[in-house]
Amino acid sequence: MKCATLSCGGSRRPWSGVSALEYRDVGMFPIPILTRDVPKYKITPHTDTKWKGITVQFYLPPDDTTNDIGTIFHDKLADGSMPKVKKMPFSPNSGYAFAVGSDSWHSADPVGPHVKTRDSILHTYFVDQGLLRIMRNRGRRVGNFITNEVRGLGRG
């Protein structure tokens, strides 16, 4: 089965075998966010929301001294267990990207006290199909801009 939307065949993801030209019809809206995680931050295994189509994260550490705090990818087995498959090194000029789906399980271990901050750029491509999603995605971009400006005023 071939389709060019993210909601074909009862699934949120295109089936394999779809050509690159067919993907151009899938509306996406990119929203970049500069993130800063601090000691004790953690996130348990999860898949991203159906509103997201692609998740990209660029790591921004100053050196390799904190390469142990990268994102972890998991398998979900039939018994419900979620073994770690790959831990990305939190190293300069590195990162990862994945198509969001029901099998894109990932997490982050608690950031330890040896880390001052875990800085990165989270660049998310939101599914941009239908008026509701288009309005939501544009509103999110405006909201991020306003939040950033307010924070800037507080520092100035």
Protein backbone atom coordinates (compact mmCIF):
# COMPACT_ATOMS: atom_id res chain seq x y z
CA MET A 1 0.00 0.00 0.00
CA LYS A 2 1.33 3.43 -0.91
CA CYS A 3 0.11 6.74 0.45
CA ALA A 4 1.37 10.29 0.72
CA THR A 5 -0.17 11.32 4.03
CA LEU A 6 0.73 10.60 7.60
CA SER A 7 -2.67 9.09 8.32
CA CYS A 8 -3.01 6.42 5.66
CA GLY A 9 -4.01 2.83 6.19
CA GLY A 10 -4.94 3.32 9.85
CA SER A 11 -1.36 4.28 10.67
CA ARG A 12 0.14 7.68 11.38
CA ARG A 13 3.18 6.96 9.22
CA PRO A 14 3.70 6.41 5.52
CA TRP A 15 4.32 2.85 4.46
CA SER A 16 7.70 1.86 3.07
CA GLY A 17 8.00 2.01 -0.68
CA VAL A 18 6.67 5.55 -0.98
CA SER A 19 8.88 7.61 -3.28
CA ALA A 20 10.50 10.87 -2.18
CA LEU A 21 8.26 12.77 -4.59
CA GLU A 22 5.15 11.44 -2.83
CA TYR A 23 6.40 12.72 0.54
CA ARG A 24 6.33 16.33 -0.66
CA ASP A 25 2.55 16.28 -0.24
CA VAL A 26 2.86 15.70 3.52
CA GLY A 27 2.56 19.12 5.16
CA MET A 28 5.15 19.79 7.87
CA PHE A 29 5.85 22.93 9.87
CA PRO A 30 9.28 23.23 11.56
CA ILE A 31 9.59 24.73 15.03
CA PRO A 32 13.13 25.07 16.44
CA ILE A 33 13.59 25.50 20.19
CA LEU A 34 16.78 26.11 22.14
CA THR A 35 16.53 23.85 25.20
CA ARG A 36 18.47 23.77 28.44
CA ASP A 37 18.19 20.79 30.77
CA VAL A 38 19.64 21.10 34.27
CA PRO A 39 20.78 18.52 36.85
CA LYS A 40 18.02 16.05 37.83
CA TYR A 41 16.18 16.51 34.51
CA LYS A 42 15.00 13.16 33.13
CA ILE A 43 12.35 11.86 30.82
CA THR A 44 11.01 8.32 30.89
CA PRO A 45 10.59 6.19 27.74
CA HIS A 46 7.92 7.62 25.48
CA THR A 47 6.95 8.16 21.86
CA ASP A 48 6.29 11.70 20.72
CA THR A 49 2.80 13.07 20.17
CA LYS A 50 0.89 12.35 16.98
CA TRP A 51 1.14 16.09 16.23
CA LYS A 52 4.86 15.58 15.48
CA GLY A 53 6.13 14.09 12.23
CA ILE A 54 9.91 14.33 12.67
CA THR A 55 12.03 15.01 15.74
CA VAL A 56 15.59 16.33 15.36
CA GLN A 57 17.98 17.25 18.18
CA PHE A 58 21.36 18.92 17.77
CA TYR A 59 23.60 18.67 20.81
CA LEU A 60 25.50 21.80 21.93
CA PRO A 61 28.05 20.75 24.58
CA PRO A 62 31.36 22.66 24.74
CA ASP A 63 33.36 19.39 24.77
CA ASP A 64 33.12 15.61 25.29
CA THR A 65 33.14 15.65 29.09
CA THR A 66 29.38 15.01 29.32
CA ASN A 67 28.91 12.50 26.51
CA ASP A 68 27.07 10.16 28.93
CA ILE A 69 23.85 12.25 28.97
CA GLY A 70 22.57 11.68 25.43
CA THR A 71 19.16 10.46 24.35
CA ILE A 72 18.46 6.74 24.70
CA PHE A 73 16.47 4.72 22.15
CA HIS A 74 14.48 1.66 23.24
CA ASP A 75 12.74 -1.38 21.81
CA LYS A 76 9.36 -2.32 23.24
CA LEU A 77 9.10 -6.08 23.60
CA ALA A 78 5.93 -8.19 23.69
CA ASP A 79 6.24 -8.55 27.48
CA GLY A 80 6.21 -4.72 27.86
CA SER A 81 9.87 -4.42 28.76
CA MET A 82 11.86 -1.64 27.10
CA PRO A 83 15.54 -2.53 26.77
CA LYS A 84 17.97 0.19 25.78
CA VAL A 85 19.11 -0.23 22.17
CA LYS A 86 21.29 2.82 21.60
CA LYS A 87 22.47 5.75 23.69
CA MET A 88 23.54 8.75 21.67
CA PRO A 89 26.77 10.38 22.85
CA PHE A 90 26.16 13.98 23.96
CA SER A 91 29.14 15.27 21.97
CA PRO A 92 29.85 18.46 20.01
CA ASN A 93 28.57 18.53 16.44
CA SER A 94 26.29 15.54 16.94
CA GLY A 95 22.65 14.71 17.33
CA TYR A 96 19.93 12.51 15.89
CA ALA A 97 16.66 12.55 13.96
CA PHE A 98 13.75 10.14 13.63
CA ALA A 99 10.30 9.88 12.13
CA VAL A 100 7.81 9.86 14.99
CA GLY A 101 5.79 6.68 15.24
CA SER A 102 4.35 4.14 17.62
CA ASP A 103 7.76 2.44 17.76
CA SER A 104 10.01 5.50 18.28
CA TRP A 105 10.55 4.97 22.01
CA HIS A 106 13.21 7.20 23.58
CA SER A 107 14.21 8.62 26.97
CA ALA A 108 16.91 10.49 28.85
CA ASP A 109 18.58 9.36 32.06
CA PRO A 110 18.65 11.88 34.91
CA VAL A 111 21.18 14.64 34.29
CA GLY A 112 23.80 14.22 37.00
CA PRO A 113 25.36 16.86 39.23
CA HIS A 114 28.56 16.78 37.14
CA VAL A 115 26.61 18.62 34.40
CA LYS A 116 25.95 22.36 34.60
CA THR A 117 23.55 22.39 31.65
CA ARG A 118 22.53 20.11 28.78
CA ASP A 119 22.01 22.52 25.90
CA SER A 120 20.59 21.54 22.54
CA ILE A 121 18.44 22.66 19.65
CA LEU A 122 15.24 20.66 19.38
CA HIS A 123 13.96 21.05 15.83
CA THR A 124 10.53 19.51 15.53
CA TYR A 125 8.55 19.13 12.32
CA PHE A 126 4.86 19.19 13.19
CA VAL A 127 2.27 17.60 10.93
CA ASP A 128 0.65 20.56 9.19
CA GLN A 129 -2.52 19.16 7.64
CA GLY A 130 -5.95 20.63 8.22
CA LEU A 131 -6.90 24.08 9.47
CA LEU A 132 -6.72 23.15 13.17
CA ARG A 133 -3.14 21.88 12.92
CA ILE A 134 -2.02 24.79 10.75
CA MET A 135 -3.41 27.29 13.26
CA ARG A 136 -1.95 25.36 16.21
CA ASN A 137 1.51 25.18 14.65
CA ARG A 138 1.58 28.90 13.79
CA GLY A 139 0.33 29.75 17.27
CA ARG A 140 3.08 27.66 18.81
CA ARG A 141 5.75 29.52 16.81
CA VAL A 142 4.30 32.90 17.93
CA GLY A 143 4.08 31.68 21.53
CA ASN A 144 7.74 30.59 21.52
CA PHE A 145 8.76 34.01 20.14
CA ILE A 146 6.80 35.90 22.82
CA THR A 147 8.14 33.67 25.60
CA ASN A 148 11.71 34.26 24.41
CA GLU A 149 11.20 38.03 24.25
CA VAL A 150 9.72 38.14 27.78
CA ARG A 151 12.68 36.12 29.12
CA GLY A 152 15.05 38.54 27.37
CA LEU A 153 13.38 41.52 29.04
CA GLY A 154 13.78 39.85 32.44
CA ARG A 155 17.53 39.45 31.89
CA GLY A 156 18.05 42.94 30.52
